[in-house]
Amino acid sequence: MGKGDLDRMEECFFIEQIASDLRQDEGFSQYPYLDTEGHLTVGYGRNLDAKGISNAEADMLLRNDIIASQHALAQVLPVSSKLGKTRYRVLINMMFNLGINGFMSFRKMRQAIFKQDFNRAADEMLDSKWAMQVGDRAIRLADMMRTGHDPRGRY
């Protein structure tokens, strides 16, 4: 092991010591709050007003939320993962956007999916407040549900 390797190991250990100190001193907040100076803060004292989040951090959060959406979807519509990748993506997209309570409000869509009546499922998607709110997204997702194909050429 060269000197550079030891320096990197010492640096990692040092960073972890500081992280441990800051976890103790800052405390953890799962939800954003205003700190004593009025800055929006989350996690272990992350000042969102000053730093925001990086693309890498946003991607990590996105991936975690996609996995959570997959798990929620498996609970409420177990057949979803057997519909083909495109339709499964549509349902994960909706679960991500609507949350479980919003997704559950699409009772007729879920019934149509269970019967593999994808035209009706797509119609139910479009006949909703959600479709009015998300516009082109709903049209694209309904088309993907209807056809089982992504117009952008993805599976």
C-alpha atoms as a PDB file:
ATOM      1  CA  MET A   1       0.000   0.000   0.000  1.00  0.00           C
ATOM      2  CA  GLY A   2       1.485   3.333  -1.034  1.00  0.00           C
ATOM      3  CA  LYS A   3       1.521   6.583   0.917  1.00  0.00           C
ATOM      4  CA  GLY A   4      -1.286   7.978  -1.265  1.00  0.00           C
ATOM      5  CA  ASP A   5      -3.519   5.021  -0.346  1.00  0.00           C
ATOM      6  CA  LEU A   6      -2.899   5.633   3.358  1.00  0.00           C
ATOM      7  CA  ASP A   7      -3.655   9.340   2.953  1.00  0.00           C
ATOM      8  CA  ARG A   8      -6.956   8.520   1.243  1.00  0.00           C
ATOM      9  CA  MET A   9      -7.840   6.034   3.988  1.00  0.00           C
ATOM     10  CA  GLU A  10      -7.009   8.596   6.676  1.00  0.00           C
ATOM     11  CA  GLU A  11      -9.072  11.211   4.829  1.00  0.00           C
ATOM     12  CA  CYS A  12     -12.073   8.836   4.649  1.00  0.00           C
ATOM     13  CA  PHE A  13     -11.761   8.079   8.358  1.00  0.00           C
ATOM     14  CA  PHE A  14     -11.447  11.794   9.137  1.00  0.00           C
ATOM     15  CA  ILE A  15     -14.552  12.629   7.042  1.00  0.00           C
ATOM     16  CA  GLU A  16     -16.508   9.879   8.809  1.00  0.00           C
ATOM     17  CA  GLN A  17     -15.476  11.281  12.205  1.00  0.00           C
ATOM     18  CA  ILE A  18     -16.700  14.736  11.195  1.00  0.00           C
ATOM     19  CA  ALA A  19     -19.919  13.225   9.832  1.00  0.00           C
ATOM     20  CA  SER A  20     -20.498  11.465  13.135  1.00  0.00           C
ATOM     21  CA  ASP A  21     -19.960  14.750  15.012  1.00  0.00           C
ATOM     22  CA  LEU A  22     -22.347  16.615  12.718  1.00  0.00           C
ATOM     23  CA  ARG A  23     -25.029  13.912  12.955  1.00  0.00           C
ATOM     24  CA  GLN A  24     -24.911  14.332  16.717  1.00  0.00           C
ATOM     25  CA  ASP A  25     -24.728  18.145  16.698  1.00  0.00           C
ATOM     26  CA  GLU A  26     -27.216  18.883  13.898  1.00  0.00           C
ATOM     27  CA  GLY A  27     -29.711  16.091  14.477  1.00  0.00           C
ATOM     28  CA  PHE A  28     -31.736  14.600  11.654  1.00  0.00           C
ATOM     29  CA  SER A  29     -34.917  15.969  10.134  1.00  0.00           C
ATOM     30  CA  GLN A  30     -36.663  13.882   7.507  1.00  0.00           C
ATOM     31  CA  TYR A  31     -38.801  16.853   6.519  1.00  0.00           C
ATOM     32  CA  PRO A  32     -37.741  20.405   5.625  1.00  0.00           C
ATOM     33  CA  TYR A  33     -37.972  22.978   8.390  1.00  0.00           C
ATOM     34  CA  LEU A  34     -36.930  26.573   8.964  1.00  0.00           C
ATOM     35  CA  ASP A  35     -33.746  26.798  11.015  1.00  0.00           C
ATOM     36  CA  THR A  36     -33.078  29.499  13.623  1.00  0.00           C
ATOM     37  CA  GLU A  37     -32.052  31.898  10.834  1.00  0.00           C
ATOM     38  CA  GLY A  38     -35.140  31.170   8.746  1.00  0.00           C
ATOM     39  CA  HIS A  39     -33.366  28.984   6.150  1.00  0.00           C
ATOM     40  CA  LEU A  40     -35.135  25.959   4.713  1.00  0.00           C
ATOM     41  CA  THR A  41     -33.147  23.015   6.056  1.00  0.00           C
ATOM     42  CA  VAL A  42     -33.388  19.218   5.815  1.00  0.00           C
ATOM     43  CA  GLY A  43     -31.473  16.092   6.796  1.00  0.00           C
ATOM     44  CA  TYR A  44     -28.445  16.853   8.944  1.00  0.00           C
ATOM     45  CA  GLY A  45     -28.577  20.626   8.723  1.00  0.00           C
ATOM     46  CA  ARG A  46     -28.544  20.894   4.896  1.00  0.00           C
ATOM     47  CA  ASN A  47     -29.342  24.529   4.066  1.00  0.00           C
ATOM     48  CA  LEU A  48     -31.527  24.192   0.985  1.00  0.00           C
ATOM     49  CA  ASP A  49     -31.771  27.957   0.502  1.00  0.00           C
ATOM     50  CA  ALA A  50     -27.991  28.285   0.185  1.00  0.00           C
ATOM     51  CA  LYS A  51     -27.038  24.938  -1.397  1.00  0.00           C
ATOM     52  CA  GLY A  52     -30.124  23.301  -2.822  1.00  0.00           C
ATOM     53  CA  ILE A  53     -29.319  19.807  -4.035  1.00  0.00           C
ATOM     54  CA  SER A  54     -27.036  18.594  -6.790  1.00  0.00           C
ATOM     55  CA  ASN A  55     -28.116  16.600  -9.845  1.00  0.00           C
ATOM     56  CA  ALA A  56     -26.496  13.517  -8.295  1.00  0.00           C
ATOM     57  CA  GLU A  57     -28.469  14.014  -5.075  1.00  0.00           C
ATOM     58  CA  ALA A  58     -31.691  14.551  -7.023  1.00  0.00           C
ATOM     59  CA  ASP A  59     -31.004  11.384  -9.045  1.00  0.00           C
ATOM     60  CA  MET A  60     -30.441   9.408  -5.838  1.00  0.00           C
ATOM     61  CA  LEU A  61     -33.747  10.686  -4.435  1.00  0.00           C
ATOM     62  CA  LEU A  62     -35.490   9.912  -7.722  1.00  0.00           C
ATOM     63  CA  ARG A  63     -34.195   6.343  -7.785  1.00  0.00           C
ATOM     64  CA  ASN A  64     -35.268   5.805  -4.172  1.00  0.00           C
ATOM     65  CA  ASP A  65     -38.732   7.173  -4.973  1.00  0.00           C
ATOM     66  CA  ILE A  66     -39.014   4.927  -8.043  1.00  0.00           C
ATOM     67  CA  ILE A  67     -38.219   1.882  -5.913  1.00  0.00           C
ATOM     68  CA  ALA A  68     -40.781   2.992  -3.309  1.00  0.00           C
ATOM     69  CA  SER A  69     -43.344   3.449  -6.107  1.00  0.00           C
ATOM     70  CA  GLN A  70     -42.619  -0.063  -7.409  1.00  0.00           C
ATOM     71  CA  HIS A  71     -43.148  -1.512  -3.933  1.00  0.00           C
ATOM     72  CA  ALA A  72     -46.406   0.395  -3.433  1.00  0.00           C
ATOM     73  CA  LEU A  73     -47.621  -0.696  -6.866  1.00  0.00           C
ATOM     74  CA  ALA A  74     -46.831  -4.338  -6.081  1.00  0.00           C
ATOM     75  CA  GLN A  75     -49.032  -4.059  -2.992  1.00  0.00           C
ATOM     76  CA  VAL A  76     -52.080  -2.515  -4.652  1.00  0.00           C
ATOM     77  CA  LEU A  77     -51.877  -3.976  -8.170  1.00  0.00           C
ATOM     78  CA  PRO A  78     -49.730  -7.141  -8.109  1.00  0.00           C
ATOM     79  CA  VAL A  79     -50.470  -7.882 -11.778  1.00  0.00           C
ATOM     80  CA  SER A  80     -48.708  -4.648 -12.790  1.00  0.00           C
ATOM     81  CA  SER A  81     -45.254  -6.184 -13.203  1.00  0.00           C
ATOM     82  CA  LYS A  82     -46.652  -8.785 -15.619  1.00  0.00           C
ATOM     83  CA  LEU A  83     -48.107  -6.279 -18.112  1.00  0.00           C
ATOM     84  CA  GLY A  84     -44.928  -5.685 -20.082  1.00  0.00           C
ATOM     85  CA  LYS A  85     -42.263  -3.100 -19.376  1.00  0.00           C
ATOM     86  CA  THR A  86     -44.000  -0.167 -21.075  1.00  0.00           C
ATOM     87  CA  ARG A  87     -47.300  -0.504 -19.215  1.00  0.00           C
ATOM     88  CA  TYR A  88     -45.440  -1.196 -15.987  1.00  0.00           C
ATOM     89  CA  ARG A  89     -43.489   2.053 -16.509  1.00  0.00           C
ATOM     90  CA  VAL A  90     -46.778   3.910 -17.004  1.00  0.00           C
ATOM     91  CA  LEU A  91     -48.119   2.646 -13.689  1.00  0.00           C
ATOM     92  CA  ILE A  92     -44.900   3.416 -11.810  1.00  0.00           C
ATOM     93  CA  ASN A  93     -44.950   6.908 -13.325  1.00  0.00           C
ATOM     94  CA  MET A  94     -48.518   7.418 -12.106  1.00  0.00           C
ATOM     95  CA  MET A  95     -47.763   6.008  -8.633  1.00  0.00           C
ATOM     96  CA  PHE A  96     -44.744   8.300  -8.372  1.00  0.00           C
ATOM     97  CA  ASN A  97     -46.794  11.339  -9.408  1.00  0.00           C
ATOM     98  CA  LEU A  98     -50.020  10.621  -7.527  1.00  0.00           C
ATOM     99  CA  GLY A  99     -48.859   8.769  -4.441  1.00  0.00           C
ATOM    100  CA  ILE A 100     -50.706   5.712  -3.242  1.00  0.00           C
ATOM    101  CA  ASN A 101     -53.916   7.516  -2.271  1.00  0.00           C
ATOM    102  CA  GLY A 102     -54.177   9.304  -5.603  1.00  0.00           C
ATOM    103  CA  PHE A 103     -53.374   6.134  -7.496  1.00  0.00           C
ATOM    104  CA  MET A 104     -56.026   4.216  -5.569  1.00  0.00           C
ATOM    105  CA  SER A 105     -58.642   6.735  -6.728  1.00  0.00           C
ATOM    106  CA  PHE A 106     -58.273   5.256 -10.247  1.00  0.00           C
ATOM    107  CA  ARG A 107     -60.522   2.317  -9.347  1.00  0.00           C
ATOM    108  CA  LYS A 108     -61.993   1.855 -12.853  1.00  0.00           C
ATOM    109  CA  MET A 109     -58.549   2.034 -14.440  1.00  0.00           C
ATOM    110  CA  ARG A 110     -57.266  -0.662 -12.078  1.00  0.00           C
ATOM    111  CA  GLN A 111     -60.277  -2.855 -12.826  1.00  0.00           C
ATOM    112  CA  ALA A 112     -59.698  -2.457 -16.563  1.00  0.00           C
ATOM    113  CA  ILE A 113     -56.012  -3.334 -16.169  1.00  0.00           C
ATOM    114  CA  PHE A 114     -56.904  -6.442 -14.189  1.00  0.00           C
ATOM    115  CA  LYS A 115     -59.138  -7.479 -17.123  1.00  0.00           C
ATOM    116  CA  GLN A 116     -56.373  -6.473 -19.569  1.00  0.00           C
ATOM    117  CA  ASP A 117     -58.745  -3.963 -21.170  1.00  0.00           C
ATOM    118  CA  PHE A 118     -56.011  -1.442 -21.887  1.00  0.00           C
ATOM    119  CA  ASN A 119     -58.167   0.790 -24.070  1.00  0.00           C
ATOM    120  CA  ARG A 120     -60.585   1.306 -21.200  1.00  0.00           C
ATOM    121  CA  ALA A 121     -57.698   1.771 -18.760  1.00  0.00           C
ATOM    122  CA  ALA A 122     -56.282   4.507 -21.007  1.00  0.00           C
ATOM    123  CA  ASP A 123     -59.715   6.144 -21.294  1.00  0.00           C
ATOM    124  CA  GLU A 124     -60.041   6.139 -17.492  1.00  0.00           C
ATOM    125  CA  MET A 125     -56.632   7.773 -17.200  1.00  0.00           C
ATOM    126  CA  LEU A 126     -57.686  10.570 -19.532  1.00  0.00           C
ATOM    127  CA  ASP A 127     -61.098  11.033 -17.905  1.00  0.00           C
ATOM    128  CA  SER A 128     -59.622  12.424 -14.693  1.00  0.00           C
ATOM    129  CA  LYS A 129     -58.613  15.554 -12.842  1.00  0.00           C
ATOM    130  CA  TRP A 130     -55.052  14.217 -12.968  1.00  0.00           C
ATOM    131  CA  ALA A 131     -55.085  14.266 -16.783  1.00  0.00           C
ATOM    132  CA  MET A 132     -56.165  17.903 -16.744  1.00  0.00           C
ATOM    133  CA  GLN A 133     -53.347  18.734 -14.312  1.00  0.00           C
ATOM    134  CA  VAL A 134     -50.508  16.967 -16.123  1.00  0.00           C
ATOM    135  CA  GLY A 135     -51.658  17.558 -19.718  1.00  0.00           C
ATOM    136  CA  ASP A 136     -49.355  16.034 -22.338  1.00  0.00           C
ATOM    137  CA  ARG A 137     -47.921  13.628 -19.806  1.00  0.00           C
ATOM    138  CA  ALA A 138     -51.349  12.001 -19.367  1.00  0.00           C
ATOM    139  CA  ILE A 139     -51.858  11.798 -23.136  1.00  0.00           C
ATOM    140  CA  ARG A 140     -48.458  10.145 -23.642  1.00  0.00           C
ATOM    141  CA  LEU A 141     -48.936   7.711 -20.740  1.00  0.00           C
ATOM    142  CA  ALA A 142     -52.483   6.813 -21.833  1.00  0.00           C
ATOM    143  CA  ASP A 143     -51.178   6.092 -25.342  1.00  0.00           C
ATOM    144  CA  MET A 144     -48.461   3.883 -23.850  1.00  0.00           C
ATOM    145  CA  MET A 145     -51.076   2.062 -21.765  1.00  0.00           C
ATOM    146  CA  ARG A 146     -53.328   1.628 -24.786  1.00  0.00           C
ATOM    147  CA  THR A 147     -50.636   0.321 -27.170  1.00  0.00           C
ATOM    148  CA  GLY A 148     -47.990  -1.147 -24.890  1.00  0.00           C
ATOM    149  CA  HIS A 149     -45.398   0.895 -26.822  1.00  0.00           C
ATOM    150  CA  ASP A 150     -43.459   4.038 -26.037  1.00  0.00           C
ATOM    151  CA  PRO A 151     -43.744   6.600 -28.882  1.00  0.00           C
ATOM    152  CA  ARG A 152     -40.168   7.660 -28.102  1.00  0.00           C
ATOM    153  CA  GLY A 153     -38.904   4.211 -29.049  1.00  0.00           C
ATOM    154  CA  ARG A 154     -38.148   2.986 -25.525  1.00  0.00           C
ATOM    155  CA  TYR A 155     -39.406  -0.399 -24.433  1.00  0.00           C
END
